[in-house]
Amino acid sequence: MRTEALAVLRSLDPAGGSMFVLRVLKTYLGSLDRYLPEILAARGRGDAAALRMVVHSLKSSSLQIGAEPFGQLCAEIERELVALGLDSPGMDQRLATLAVDAQGVRRRVEWTLAEEAAR
């Protein structure tokens, strides 16, 4: 996660502490828990539009907290869904990579939450 993104979030805390960062990161984890099953369900239904919307949301929130490689993967998937739909070559592999990478992002966010709480 980019430290610059966290610094921006810290600067938005009216009390000048870490409460806003903690709230944003906890919300992100909740979203991650919601979005991953939605991605799998949309893929299973063959619903490219729903899949694109969920991946777009995950991209935006990931980039906001500084999880840039993960956000960029979401952006790539989103672009391919717009251009080629679910028939994009390698789409299932990208979605599998997304699911695996999400676990790494989760661990990093949880670690960052602990660090911010100790501030």
PDB file of N, CA and C in Angstrom:
ATOM      1  N   MET A   1       0.838  -1.172   0.000  1.00  0.00           N
ATOM      2  CA  MET A   1       0.000   0.000   0.000  1.00  0.00           C
ATOM      3  C   MET A   1       0.884   1.238   0.000  1.00  0.00           C
ATOM      4  N   ARG A   2       0.472   2.207  -0.749  1.00  0.00           N
ATOM      5  CA  ARG A   2       1.251   3.442  -0.844  1.00  0.00           C
ATOM      6  C   ARG A   2       1.075   4.277   0.418  1.00  0.00           C
ATOM      7  N   THR A   3       2.181   4.677   0.989  1.00  0.00           N
ATOM      8  CA  THR A   3       2.120   5.498   2.196  1.00  0.00           C
ATOM      9  C   THR A   3       1.520   6.868   1.900  1.00  0.00           C
ATOM     10  N   GLU A   4       1.676   7.339   0.661  1.00  0.00           N
ATOM     11  CA  GLU A   4       1.108   8.641   0.292  1.00  0.00           C
ATOM     12  C   GLU A   4      -0.410   8.615   0.387  1.00  0.00           C
ATOM     13  N   ALA A   5      -1.024   7.511  -0.021  1.00  0.00           N
ATOM     14  CA  ALA A   5      -2.482   7.402   0.046  1.00  0.00           C
ATOM     15  C   ALA A   5      -2.946   7.432   1.497  1.00  0.00           C
ATOM     16  N   LEU A   6      -2.223   6.744   2.362  1.00  0.00           N
ATOM     17  CA  LEU A   6      -2.579   6.761   3.778  1.00  0.00           C
ATOM     18  C   LEU A   6      -2.386   8.150   4.376  1.00  0.00           C
ATOM     19  N   ALA A   7      -1.348   8.852   3.941  1.00  0.00           N
ATOM     20  CA  ALA A   7      -1.115  10.216   4.429  1.00  0.00           C
ATOM     21  C   ALA A   7      -2.266  11.132   4.032  1.00  0.00           C
ATOM     22  N   VAL A   8      -2.768  10.964   2.820  1.00  0.00           N
ATOM     23  CA  VAL A   8      -3.915  11.765   2.375  1.00  0.00           C
ATOM     24  C   VAL A   8      -5.123  11.458   3.252  1.00  0.00           C
ATOM     25  N   LEU A   9      -5.367  10.180   3.510  1.00  0.00           N
ATOM     26  CA  LEU A   9      -6.497   9.812   4.366  1.00  0.00           C
ATOM     27  C   LEU A   9      -6.325  10.373   5.775  1.00  0.00           C
ATOM     28  N   ARG A  10      -5.109  10.318   6.308  1.00  0.00           N
ATOM     29  CA  ARG A  10      -4.851  10.884   7.639  1.00  0.00           C
ATOM     30  C   ARG A  10      -5.145  12.385   7.655  1.00  0.00           C
ATOM     31  N   SER A  11      -4.792  13.064   6.573  1.00  0.00           N
ATOM     32  CA  SER A  11      -4.997  14.520   6.520  1.00  0.00           C
ATOM     33  C   SER A  11      -6.479  14.887   6.521  1.00  0.00           C
ATOM     34  N   LEU A  12      -7.331  13.938   6.194  1.00  0.00           N
ATOM     35  CA  LEU A  12      -8.771  14.198   6.168  1.00  0.00           C
ATOM     36  C   LEU A  12      -9.435  13.990   7.522  1.00  0.00           C
ATOM     37  N   ASP A  13      -8.687  13.504   8.497  1.00  0.00           N
ATOM     38  CA  ASP A  13      -9.237  13.281   9.831  1.00  0.00           C
ATOM     39  C   ASP A  13      -9.339  14.625  10.545  1.00  0.00           C
ATOM     40  N   PRO A  14     -10.562  15.056  10.893  1.00  0.00           N
ATOM     41  CA  PRO A  14     -10.716  16.365  11.534  1.00  0.00           C
ATOM     42  C   PRO A  14      -9.960  16.483  12.853  1.00  0.00           C
ATOM     43  N   ALA A  15      -9.768  15.360  13.545  1.00  0.00           N
ATOM     44  CA  ALA A  15      -9.057  15.391  14.826  1.00  0.00           C
ATOM     45  C   ALA A  15      -7.551  15.265  14.640  1.00  0.00           C
ATOM     46  N   GLY A  16      -7.113  15.053  13.404  1.00  0.00           N
ATOM     47  CA  GLY A  16      -5.691  14.941  13.126  1.00  0.00           C
ATOM     48  C   GLY A  16      -5.085  13.611  13.529  1.00  0.00           C
ATOM     49  N   GLY A  17      -5.921  12.623  13.764  1.00  0.00           N
ATOM     50  CA  GLY A  17      -5.426  11.308  14.178  1.00  0.00           C
ATOM     51  C   GLY A  17      -5.624  10.262  13.101  1.00  0.00           C
ATOM     52  N   SER A  18      -5.857   9.062  13.556  1.00  0.00           N
ATOM     53  CA  SER A  18      -5.991   7.930  12.640  1.00  0.00           C
ATOM     54  C   SER A  18      -7.415   7.390  12.549  1.00  0.00           C
ATOM     55  N   MET A  19      -8.365   8.025  13.213  1.00  0.00           N
ATOM     56  CA  MET A  19      -9.725   7.482  13.235  1.00  0.00           C
ATOM     57  C   MET A  19     -10.325   7.364  11.830  1.00  0.00           C
ATOM     58  N   PHE A  20     -10.110   8.355  11.003  1.00  0.00           N
ATOM     59  CA  PHE A  20     -10.666   8.303   9.651  1.00  0.00           C
ATOM     60  C   PHE A  20     -10.018   7.177   8.853  1.00  0.00           C
ATOM     61  N   VAL A  21      -8.709   7.037   8.968  1.00  0.00           N
ATOM     62  CA  VAL A  21      -7.997   5.958   8.269  1.00  0.00           C
ATOM     63  C   VAL A  21      -8.534   4.610   8.730  1.00  0.00           C
ATOM     64  N   LEU A  22      -8.703   4.444  10.027  1.00  0.00           N
ATOM     65  CA  LEU A  22      -9.223   3.185  10.560  1.00  0.00           C
ATOM     66  C   LEU A  22     -10.606   2.888   9.995  1.00  0.00           C
ATOM     67  N   ARG A  23     -11.449   3.898   9.962  1.00  0.00           N
ATOM     68  CA  ARG A  23     -12.808   3.705   9.441  1.00  0.00           C
ATOM     69  C   ARG A  23     -12.783   3.328   7.964  1.00  0.00           C
ATOM     70  N   VAL A  24     -11.955   4.014   7.178  1.00  0.00           N
ATOM     71  CA  VAL A  24     -11.864   3.724   5.742  1.00  0.00           C
ATOM     72  C   VAL A  24     -11.343   2.306   5.513  1.00  0.00           C
ATOM     73  N   LEU A  25     -10.310   1.918   6.234  1.00  0.00           N
ATOM     74  CA  LEU A  25      -9.730   0.585   6.038  1.00  0.00           C
ATOM     75  C   LEU A  25     -10.685  -0.522   6.485  1.00  0.00           C
ATOM     76  N   LYS A  26     -11.408  -0.300   7.572  1.00  0.00           N
ATOM     77  CA  LYS A  26     -12.399  -1.290   8.009  1.00  0.00           C
ATOM     78  C   LYS A  26     -13.522  -1.411   6.981  1.00  0.00           C
ATOM     79  N   THR A  27     -13.935  -0.286   6.444  1.00  0.00           N
ATOM     80  CA  THR A  27     -14.965  -0.304   5.399  1.00  0.00           C
ATOM     81  C   THR A  27     -14.458  -1.042   4.174  1.00  0.00           C
ATOM     82  N   TYR A  28     -13.196  -0.820   3.827  1.00  0.00           N
ATOM     83  CA  TYR A  28     -12.604  -1.511   2.676  1.00  0.00           C
ATOM     84  C   TYR A  28     -12.633  -3.022   2.885  1.00  0.00           C
ATOM     85  N   LEU A  29     -12.257  -3.486   4.067  1.00  0.00           N
ATOM     86  CA  LEU A  29     -12.275  -4.929   4.333  1.00  0.00           C
ATOM     87  C   LEU A  29     -13.685  -5.495   4.205  1.00  0.00           C
ATOM     88  N   GLY A  30     -14.671  -4.753   4.691  1.00  0.00           N
ATOM     89  CA  GLY A  30     -16.060  -5.188   4.539  1.00  0.00           C
ATOM     90  C   GLY A  30     -16.466  -5.265   3.082  1.00  0.00           C
ATOM     91  N   SER A  31     -16.022  -4.284   2.310  1.00  0.00           N
ATOM     92  CA  SER A  31     -16.319  -4.288   0.873  1.00  0.00           C
ATOM     93  C   SER A  31     -15.644  -5.461   0.183  1.00  0.00           C
ATOM     94  N   LEU A  32     -14.416  -5.725   0.552  1.00  0.00           N
ATOM     95  CA  LEU A  32     -13.685  -6.852  -0.034  1.00  0.00           C
ATOM     96  C   LEU A  32     -14.429  -8.164   0.245  1.00  0.00           C
ATOM     97  N   ASP A  33     -14.916  -8.307   1.471  1.00  0.00           N
ATOM     98  CA  ASP A  33     -15.684  -9.507   1.832  1.00  0.00           C
ATOM     99  C   ASP A  33     -16.963  -9.633   1.004  1.00  0.00           C
ATOM    100  N   ARG A  34     -17.562  -8.510   0.681  1.00  0.00           N
ATOM    101  CA  ARG A  34     -18.795  -8.500  -0.111  1.00  0.00           C
ATOM    102  C   ARG A  34     -18.520  -8.688  -1.591  1.00  0.00           C
ATOM    103  N   TYR A  35     -17.501  -7.993  -2.098  1.00  0.00           N
ATOM    104  CA  TYR A  35     -17.258  -7.974  -3.545  1.00  0.00           C
ATOM    105  C   TYR A  35     -16.745  -9.302  -4.097  1.00  0.00           C
ATOM    106  N   LEU A  36     -15.882  -9.981  -3.373  1.00  0.00           N
ATOM    107  CA  LEU A  36     -15.315 -11.223  -3.924  1.00  0.00           C
ATOM    108  C   LEU A  36     -16.383 -12.271  -4.224  1.00  0.00           C
ATOM    109  N   PRO A  37     -17.309 -12.545  -3.308  1.00  0.00           N
ATOM    110  CA  PRO A  37     -18.379 -13.483  -3.661  1.00  0.00           C
ATOM    111  C   PRO A  37     -19.266 -12.966  -4.798  1.00  0.00           C
ATOM    112  N   GLU A  38     -19.482 -11.645  -4.846  1.00  0.00           N
ATOM    113  CA  GLU A  38     -20.281 -11.071  -5.930  1.00  0.00           C
ATOM    114  C   GLU A  38     -19.593 -11.278  -7.278  1.00  0.00           C
ATOM    115  N   ILE A  39     -18.276 -11.159  -7.302  1.00  0.00           N
ATOM    116  CA  ILE A  39     -17.520 -11.376  -8.541  1.00  0.00           C
ATOM    117  C   ILE A  39     -17.694 -12.818  -9.005  1.00  0.00           C
ATOM    118  N   LEU A  40     -17.533 -13.754  -8.091  1.00  0.00           N
ATOM    119  CA  LEU A  40     -17.683 -15.169  -8.444  1.00  0.00           C
ATOM    120  C   LEU A  40     -19.105 -15.479  -8.887  1.00  0.00           C
ATOM    121  N   ALA A  41     -20.086 -14.905  -8.200  1.00  0.00           N
ATOM    122  CA  ALA A  41     -21.482 -15.150  -8.567  1.00  0.00           C
ATOM    123  C   ALA A  41     -21.799 -14.574  -9.941  1.00  0.00           C
ATOM    124  N   ALA A  42     -21.328 -13.353 -10.212  1.00  0.00           N
ATOM    125  CA  ALA A  42     -21.583 -12.734 -11.520  1.00  0.00           C
ATOM    126  C   ALA A  42     -20.924 -13.544 -12.629  1.00  0.00           C
ATOM    127  N   ARG A  43     -19.720 -14.012 -12.385  1.00  0.00           N
ATOM    128  CA  ARG A  43     -19.037 -14.846 -13.390  1.00  0.00           C
ATOM    129  C   ARG A  43     -19.804 -16.140 -13.614  1.00  0.00           C
ATOM    130  N   GLY A  44     -20.267 -16.736 -12.536  1.00  0.00           N
ATOM    131  CA  GLY A  44     -21.028 -17.976 -12.629  1.00  0.00           C
ATOM    132  C   GLY A  44     -22.328 -17.817 -13.399  1.00  0.00           C
ATOM    133  N   ARG A  45     -22.955 -16.647 -13.267  1.00  0.00           N
ATOM    134  CA  ARG A  45     -24.200 -16.362 -13.994  1.00  0.00           C
ATOM    135  C   ARG A  45     -23.942 -15.924 -15.425  1.00  0.00           C
ATOM    136  N   GLY A  46     -22.683 -15.614 -15.725  1.00  0.00           N
ATOM    137  CA  GLY A  46     -22.368 -15.078 -17.047  1.00  0.00           C
ATOM    138  C   GLY A  46     -22.823 -13.637 -17.205  1.00  0.00           C
ATOM    139  N   ASP A  47     -22.865 -12.899 -16.102  1.00  0.00           N
ATOM    140  CA  ASP A  47     -23.357 -11.521 -16.090  1.00  0.00           C
ATOM    141  C   ASP A  47     -22.176 -10.546 -16.154  1.00  0.00           C
ATOM    142  N   ALA A  48     -21.766 -10.227 -17.372  1.00  0.00           N
ATOM    143  CA  ALA A  48     -20.602  -9.357 -17.575  1.00  0.00           C
ATOM    144  C   ALA A  48     -20.835  -7.966 -17.009  1.00  0.00           C
ATOM    145  N   ALA A  49     -22.059  -7.441 -17.134  1.00  0.00           N
ATOM    146  CA  ALA A  49     -22.343  -6.088 -16.647  1.00  0.00           C
ATOM    147  C   ALA A  49     -22.198  -6.016 -15.125  1.00  0.00           C
ATOM    148  N   ALA A  50     -22.754  -6.989 -14.423  1.00  0.00           N
ATOM    149  CA  ALA A  50     -22.636  -7.002 -12.961  1.00  0.00           C
ATOM    150  C   ALA A  50     -21.183  -7.185 -12.544  1.00  0.00           C
ATOM    151  N   LEU A  51     -20.477  -8.056 -13.237  1.00  0.00           N
ATOM    152  CA  LEU A  51     -19.067  -8.292 -12.937  1.00  0.00           C
ATOM    153  C   LEU A  51     -18.261  -7.012 -13.130  1.00  0.00           C
ATOM    154  N   ARG A  52     -18.508  -6.312 -14.217  1.00  0.00           N
ATOM    155  CA  ARG A  52     -17.796  -5.064 -14.487  1.00  0.00           C
ATOM    156  C   ARG A  52     -18.068  -4.033 -13.395  1.00  0.00           C
ATOM    157  N   MET A  53     -19.318  -3.925 -12.957  1.00  0.00           N
ATOM    158  CA  MET A  53     -19.661  -2.937 -11.926  1.00  0.00           C
ATOM    159  C   MET A  53     -18.953  -3.242 -10.604  1.00  0.00           C
ATOM    160  N   VAL A  54     -18.919  -4.513 -10.230  1.00  0.00           N
ATOM    161  CA  VAL A  54     -18.268  -4.881  -8.968  1.00  0.00           C
ATOM    162  C   VAL A  54     -16.761  -4.666  -9.063  1.00  0.00           C
ATOM    163  N   VAL A  55     -16.163  -5.067 -10.180  1.00  0.00           N
ATOM    164  CA  VAL A  55     -14.718  -4.882 -10.365  1.00  0.00           C
ATOM    165  C   VAL A  55     -14.380  -3.388 -10.382  1.00  0.00           C
ATOM    166  N   HIS A  56     -15.250  -2.577 -10.979  1.00  0.00           N
ATOM    167  CA  HIS A  56     -15.033  -1.127 -11.001  1.00  0.00           C
ATOM    168  C   HIS A  56     -15.022  -0.568  -9.571  1.00  0.00           C
ATOM    169  N   SER A  57     -15.989  -0.990  -8.769  1.00  0.00           N
ATOM    170  CA  SER A  57     -16.048  -0.521  -7.378  1.00  0.00           C
ATOM    171  C   SER A  57     -14.812  -0.942  -6.595  1.00  0.00           C
ATOM    172  N   LEU A  58     -14.400  -2.181  -6.787  1.00  0.00           N
ATOM    173  CA  LEU A  58     -13.213  -2.686  -6.097  1.00  0.00           C
ATOM    174  C   LEU A  58     -11.960  -1.942  -6.554  1.00  0.00           C
ATOM    175  N   LYS A  59     -11.892  -1.629  -7.839  1.00  0.00           N
ATOM    176  CA  LYS A  59     -10.761  -0.856  -8.375  1.00  0.00           C
ATOM    177  C   LYS A  59     -10.678   0.499  -7.679  1.00  0.00           C
ATOM    178  N   SER A  60     -11.796   1.197  -7.647  1.00  0.00           N
ATOM    179  CA  SER A  60     -11.809   2.548  -7.081  1.00  0.00           C
ATOM    180  C   SER A  60     -11.411   2.556  -5.611  1.00  0.00           C
ATOM    181  N   SER A  61     -12.001   1.661  -4.837  1.00  0.00           N
ATOM    182  CA  SER A  61     -11.689   1.655  -3.406  1.00  0.00           C
ATOM    183  C   SER A  61     -10.258   1.193  -3.148  1.00  0.00           C
ATOM    184  N   SER A  62      -9.761   0.276  -3.956  1.00  0.00           N
ATOM    185  CA  SER A  62      -8.376  -0.192  -3.788  1.00  0.00           C
ATOM    186  C   SER A  62      -7.383   0.922  -4.084  1.00  0.00           C
ATOM    187  N   LEU A  63      -7.622   1.663  -5.148  1.00  0.00           N
ATOM    188  CA  LEU A  63      -6.721   2.768  -5.483  1.00  0.00           C
ATOM    189  C   LEU A  63      -6.780   3.857  -4.423  1.00  0.00           C
ATOM    190  N   GLN A  64      -7.956   4.076  -3.845  1.00  0.00           N
ATOM    191  CA  GLN A  64      -8.103   5.111  -2.823  1.00  0.00           C
ATOM    192  C   GLN A  64      -7.269   4.813  -1.583  1.00  0.00           C
ATOM    193  N   ILE A  65      -7.156   3.542  -1.213  1.00  0.00           N
ATOM    194  CA  ILE A  65      -6.379   3.219  -0.006  1.00  0.00           C
ATOM    195  C   ILE A  65      -4.910   2.960  -0.317  1.00  0.00           C
ATOM    196  N   GLY A  66      -4.537   3.007  -1.587  1.00  0.00           N
ATOM    197  CA  GLY A  66      -3.136   2.833  -1.959  1.00  0.00           C
ATOM    198  C   GLY A  66      -2.745   1.412  -2.319  1.00  0.00           C
ATOM    199  N   ALA A  67      -3.722   0.544  -2.548  1.00  0.00           N
ATOM    200  CA  ALA A  67      -3.437  -0.833  -2.984  1.00  0.00           C
ATOM    201  C   ALA A  67      -3.350  -0.831  -4.508  1.00  0.00           C
ATOM    202  N   GLU A  68      -2.316  -0.170  -5.027  1.00  0.00           N
ATOM    203  CA  GLU A  68      -2.240   0.107  -6.461  1.00  0.00           C
ATOM    204  C   GLU A  68      -2.104  -1.113  -7.365  1.00  0.00           C
ATOM    205  N   PRO A  69      -1.224  -2.066  -7.089  1.00  0.00           N
ATOM    206  CA  PRO A  69      -1.158  -3.218  -8.008  1.00  0.00           C
ATOM    207  C   PRO A  69      -2.498  -3.950  -8.107  1.00  0.00           C
ATOM    208  N   PHE A  70      -3.173  -4.085  -6.980  1.00  0.00           N
ATOM    209  CA  PHE A  70      -4.474  -4.747  -6.974  1.00  0.00           C
ATOM    210  C   PHE A  70      -5.506  -3.904  -7.724  1.00  0.00           C
ATOM    211  N   GLY A  71      -5.490  -2.611  -7.491  1.00  0.00           N
ATOM    212  CA  GLY A  71      -6.395  -1.711  -8.207  1.00  0.00           C
ATOM    213  C   GLY A  71      -6.148  -1.736  -9.704  1.00  0.00           C
ATOM    214  N   GLN A  72      -4.880  -1.834 -10.098  1.00  0.00           N
ATOM    215  CA  GLN A  72      -4.553  -1.901 -11.528  1.00  0.00           C
ATOM    216  C   GLN A  72      -5.029  -3.208 -12.146  1.00  0.00           C
ATOM    217  N   LEU A  73      -4.936  -4.304 -11.400  1.00  0.00           N
ATOM    218  CA  LEU A  73      -5.468  -5.579 -11.894  1.00  0.00           C
ATOM    219  C   LEU A  73      -6.973  -5.460 -12.112  1.00  0.00           C
ATOM    220  N   CYS A  74      -7.659  -4.836 -11.178  1.00  0.00           N
ATOM    221  CA  CYS A  74      -9.099  -4.605 -11.338  1.00  0.00           C
ATOM    222  C   CYS A  74      -9.371  -3.750 -12.575  1.00  0.00           C
ATOM    223  N   ALA A  75      -8.539  -2.731 -12.797  1.00  0.00           N
ATOM    224  CA  ALA A  75      -8.707  -1.862 -13.969  1.00  0.00           C
ATOM    225  C   ALA A  75      -8.519  -2.643 -15.264  1.00  0.00           C
ATOM    226  N   GLU A  76      -7.530  -3.534 -15.294  1.00  0.00           N
ATOM    227  CA  GLU A  76      -7.306  -4.362 -16.491  1.00  0.00           C
ATOM    228  C   GLU A  76      -8.510  -5.253 -16.770  1.00  0.00           C
ATOM    229  N   ILE A  77      -9.026  -5.869 -15.727  1.00  0.00           N
ATOM    230  CA  ILE A  77     -10.198  -6.736 -15.889  1.00  0.00           C
ATOM    231  C   ILE A  77     -11.382  -5.914 -16.377  1.00  0.00           C
ATOM    232  N   GLU A  78     -11.568  -4.744 -15.793  1.00  0.00           N
ATOM    233  CA  GLU A  78     -12.672  -3.876 -16.204  1.00  0.00           C
ATOM    234  C   GLU A  78     -12.553  -3.506 -17.681  1.00  0.00           C
ATOM    235  N   ARG A  79     -11.362  -3.104 -18.118  1.00  0.00           N
ATOM    236  CA  ARG A  79     -11.162  -2.735 -19.531  1.00  0.00           C
ATOM    237  C   ARG A  79     -11.472  -3.908 -20.456  1.00  0.00           C
ATOM    238  N   GLU A  80     -11.015  -5.085 -20.074  1.00  0.00           N
ATOM    239  CA  GLU A  80     -11.264  -6.261 -20.913  1.00  0.00           C
ATOM    240  C   GLU A  80     -12.744  -6.614 -20.956  1.00  0.00           C
ATOM    241  N   LEU A  81     -13.424  -6.446 -19.842  1.00  0.00           N
ATOM    242  CA  LEU A  81     -14.862  -6.716 -19.837  1.00  0.00           C
ATOM    243  C   LEU A  81     -15.602  -5.749 -20.747  1.00  0.00           C
ATOM    244  N   VAL A  82     -15.189  -4.494 -20.742  1.00  0.00           N
ATOM    245  CA  VAL A  82     -15.811  -3.505 -21.622  1.00  0.00           C
ATOM    246  C   VAL A  82     -15.531  -3.849 -23.080  1.00  0.00           C
ATOM    247  N   ALA A  83     -14.294  -4.205 -23.378  1.00  0.00           N
ATOM    248  CA  ALA A  83     -13.899  -4.451 -24.772  1.00  0.00           C
ATOM    249  C   ALA A  83     -14.384  -5.797 -25.302  1.00  0.00           C
ATOM    250  N   LEU A  84     -14.254  -6.847 -24.499  1.00  0.00           N
ATOM    251  CA  LEU A  84     -14.493  -8.202 -25.016  1.00  0.00           C
ATOM    252  C   LEU A  84     -15.513  -9.012 -24.227  1.00  0.00           C
ATOM    253  N   GLY A  85     -15.971  -8.482 -23.112  1.00  0.00           N
ATOM    254  CA  GLY A  85     -16.920  -9.231 -22.298  1.00  0.00           C
ATOM    255  C   GLY A  85     -16.255 -10.418 -21.622  1.00  0.00           C
ATOM    256  N   LEU A  86     -17.067 -11.364 -21.247  1.00  0.00           N
ATOM    257  CA  LEU A  86     -16.568 -12.541 -20.535  1.00  0.00           C
ATOM    258  C   LEU A  86     -15.740 -13.462 -21.412  1.00  0.00           C
ATOM    259  N   ASP A  87     -15.801 -13.256 -22.729  1.00  0.00           N
ATOM    260  CA  ASP A  87     -15.053 -14.103 -23.660  1.00  0.00           C
ATOM    261  C   ASP A  87     -13.602 -13.667 -23.831  1.00  0.00           C
ATOM    262  N   SER A  88     -13.193 -12.658 -23.090  1.00  0.00           N
ATOM    263  CA  SER A  88     -11.813 -12.189 -23.178  1.00  0.00           C
ATOM    264  C   SER A  88     -10.862 -13.339 -22.849  1.00  0.00           C
ATOM    265  N   PRO A  89      -9.845 -13.549 -23.697  1.00  0.00           N
ATOM    266  CA  PRO A  89      -8.890 -14.633 -23.413  1.00  0.00           C
ATOM    267  C   PRO A  89      -8.221 -14.422 -22.048  1.00  0.00           C
ATOM    268  N   GLY A  90      -8.215 -15.450 -21.248  1.00  0.00           N
ATOM    269  CA  GLY A  90      -7.566 -15.370 -19.948  1.00  0.00           C
ATOM    270  C   GLY A  90      -8.409 -14.751 -18.850  1.00  0.00           C
ATOM    271  N   MET A  91      -9.684 -14.456 -19.116  1.00  0.00           N
ATOM    272  CA  MET A  91     -10.516 -13.805 -18.101  1.00  0.00           C
ATOM    273  C   MET A  91     -10.612 -14.654 -16.832  1.00  0.00           C
ATOM    274  N   ASP A  92     -10.850 -15.940 -16.987  1.00  0.00           N
ATOM    275  CA  ASP A  92     -10.974 -16.783 -15.793  1.00  0.00           C
ATOM    276  C   ASP A  92      -9.676 -16.803 -14.990  1.00  0.00           C
ATOM    277  N   GLN A  93      -8.542 -16.793 -15.680  1.00  0.00           N
ATOM    278  CA  GLN A  93      -7.255 -16.761 -14.982  1.00  0.00           C
ATOM    279  C   GLN A  93      -7.070 -15.437 -14.251  1.00  0.00           C
ATOM    280  N   ARG A  94      -7.469 -14.334 -14.873  1.00  0.00           N
ATOM    281  CA  ARG A  94      -7.348 -13.026 -14.214  1.00  0.00           C
ATOM    282  C   ARG A  94      -8.233 -12.972 -12.965  1.00  0.00           C
ATOM    283  N   LEU A  95      -9.432 -13.527 -13.080  1.00  0.00           N
ATOM    284  CA  LEU A  95     -10.325 -13.535 -11.924  1.00  0.00           C
ATOM    285  C   LEU A  95      -9.768 -14.424 -10.810  1.00  0.00           C
ATOM    286  N   ALA A  96      -9.128 -15.521 -11.175  1.00  0.00           N
ATOM    287  CA  ALA A  96      -8.484 -16.378 -10.170  1.00  0.00           C
ATOM    288  C   ALA A  96      -7.328 -15.631  -9.502  1.00  0.00           C
ATOM    289  N   THR A  97      -6.554 -14.900 -10.300  1.00  0.00           N
ATOM    290  CA  THR A  97      -5.457 -14.091  -9.760  1.00  0.00           C
ATOM    291  C   THR A  97      -6.006 -13.023  -8.823  1.00  0.00           C
ATOM    292  N   LEU A  98      -7.107 -12.406  -9.214  1.00  0.00           N
ATOM    293  CA  LEU A  98      -7.749 -11.388  -8.388  1.00  0.00           C
ATOM    294  C   LEU A  98      -8.116 -11.971  -7.020  1.00  0.00           C
ATOM    295  N   ALA A  99      -8.690 -13.164  -7.009  1.00  0.00           N
ATOM    296  CA  ALA A  99      -9.092 -13.793  -5.748  1.00  0.00           C
ATOM    297  C   ALA A  99      -7.883 -14.079  -4.858  1.00  0.00           C
ATOM    298  N   VAL A 100      -6.805 -14.561  -5.454  1.00  0.00           N
ATOM    299  CA  VAL A 100      -5.583 -14.845  -4.685  1.00  0.00           C
ATOM    300  C   VAL A 100      -4.962 -13.543  -4.181  1.00  0.00           C
ATOM    301  N   ASP A 101      -4.840 -12.561  -5.061  1.00  0.00           N
ATOM    302  CA  ASP A 101      -4.234 -11.283  -4.679  1.00  0.00           C
ATOM    303  C   ASP A 101      -5.047 -10.576  -3.601  1.00  0.00           C
ATOM    304  N   ALA A 102      -6.354 -10.777  -3.611  1.00  0.00           N
ATOM    305  CA  ALA A 102      -7.212 -10.149  -2.605  1.00  0.00           C
ATOM    306  C   ALA A 102      -6.820 -10.592  -1.201  1.00  0.00           C
ATOM    307  N   GLN A 103      -6.365 -11.825  -1.062  1.00  0.00           N
ATOM    308  CA  GLN A 103      -5.953 -12.303   0.259  1.00  0.00           C
ATOM    309  C   GLN A 103      -4.692 -11.579   0.736  1.00  0.00           C
ATOM    310  N   GLY A 104      -3.779 -11.311  -0.178  1.00  0.00           N
ATOM    311  CA  GLY A 104      -2.591 -10.539   0.173  1.00  0.00           C
ATOM    312  C   GLY A 104      -2.943  -9.112   0.549  1.00  0.00           C
ATOM    313  N   VAL A 105      -3.865  -8.519  -0.194  1.00  0.00           N
ATOM    314  CA  VAL A 105      -4.314  -7.161   0.120  1.00  0.00           C
ATOM    315  C   VAL A 105      -4.977  -7.161   1.491  1.00  0.00           C
ATOM    316  N   ARG A 106      -5.794  -8.164   1.764  1.00  0.00           N
ATOM    317  CA  ARG A 106      -6.457  -8.260   3.066  1.00  0.00           C
ATOM    318  C   ARG A 106      -5.419  -8.281   4.195  1.00  0.00           C
ATOM    319  N   ARG A 107      -4.402  -9.106   4.047  1.00  0.00           N
ATOM    320  CA  ARG A 107      -3.362  -9.182   5.089  1.00  0.00           C
ATOM    321  C   ARG A 107      -2.671  -7.830   5.275  1.00  0.00           C
ATOM    322  N   ARG A 108      -2.371  -7.161   4.175  1.00  0.00           N
ATOM    323  CA  ARG A 108      -1.701  -5.858   4.254  1.00  0.00           C
ATOM    324  C   ARG A 108      -2.601  -4.818   4.929  1.00  0.00           C
ATOM    325  N   VAL A 109      -3.876  -4.822   4.591  1.00  0.00           N
ATOM    326  CA  VAL A 109      -4.807  -3.870   5.208  1.00  0.00           C
ATOM    327  C   VAL A 109      -4.950  -4.175   6.698  1.00  0.00           C
ATOM    328  N   GLU A 110      -5.049  -5.438   7.052  1.00  0.00           N
ATOM    329  CA  GLU A 110      -5.147  -5.799   8.472  1.00  0.00           C
ATOM    330  C   GLU A 110      -3.895  -5.360   9.231  1.00  0.00           C
ATOM    331  N   TRP A 111      -2.726  -5.549   8.621  1.00  0.00           N
ATOM    332  CA  TRP A 111      -1.476  -5.104   9.240  1.00  0.00           C
ATOM    333  C   TRP A 111      -1.486  -3.580   9.408  1.00  0.00           C
ATOM    334  N   THR A 112      -1.928  -2.880   8.372  1.00  0.00           N
ATOM    335  CA  THR A 112      -1.979  -1.418   8.422  1.00  0.00           C
ATOM    336  C   THR A 112      -2.965  -0.951   9.483  1.00  0.00           C
ATOM    337  N   LEU A 113      -4.082  -1.640   9.613  1.00  0.00           N
ATOM    338  CA  LEU A 113      -5.046  -1.302  10.669  1.00  0.00           C
ATOM    339  C   LEU A 113      -4.393  -1.391  12.047  1.00  0.00           C
ATOM    340  N   ALA A 114      -3.643  -2.447  12.275  1.00  0.00           N
ATOM    341  CA  ALA A 114      -2.961  -2.607  13.562  1.00  0.00           C
ATOM    342  C   ALA A 114      -1.949  -1.485  13.782  1.00  0.00           C
ATOM    343  N   GLU A 115      -1.207  -1.144  12.735  1.00  0.00           N
ATOM    344  CA  GLU A 115      -0.222  -0.060  12.832  1.00  0.00           C
ATOM    345  C   GLU A 115      -0.904   1.278  13.126  1.00  0.00           C
ATOM    346  N   GLU A 116      -1.998   1.551  12.427  1.00  0.00           N
ATOM    347  CA  GLU A 116      -2.712   2.821  12.626  1.00  0.00           C
ATOM    348  C   GLU A 116      -3.329   2.891  14.016  1.00  0.00           C
ATOM    349  N   ALA A 117      -3.849   1.780  14.507  1.00  0.00           N
ATOM    350  CA  ALA A 117      -4.467   1.757  15.837  1.00  0.00           C
ATOM    351  C   ALA A 117      -3.436   2.027  16.930  1.00  0.00           C
ATOM    352  N   ALA A 118      -2.184   1.660  16.665  1.00  0.00           N
ATOM    353  CA  ALA A 118      -1.117   1.863  17.646  1.00  0.00           C
ATOM    354  C   ALA A 118      -0.570   3.290  17.632  1.00  0.00           C
ATOM    355  N   ARG A 119      -0.963   4.087  16.662  1.00  0.00           N
ATOM    356  CA  ARG A 119      -0.455   5.472  16.557  1.00  0.00           C
ATOM    357  C   ARG A 119      -0.913   6.322  17.717  1.00  0.00           C
TER     358      ARG A 119
END
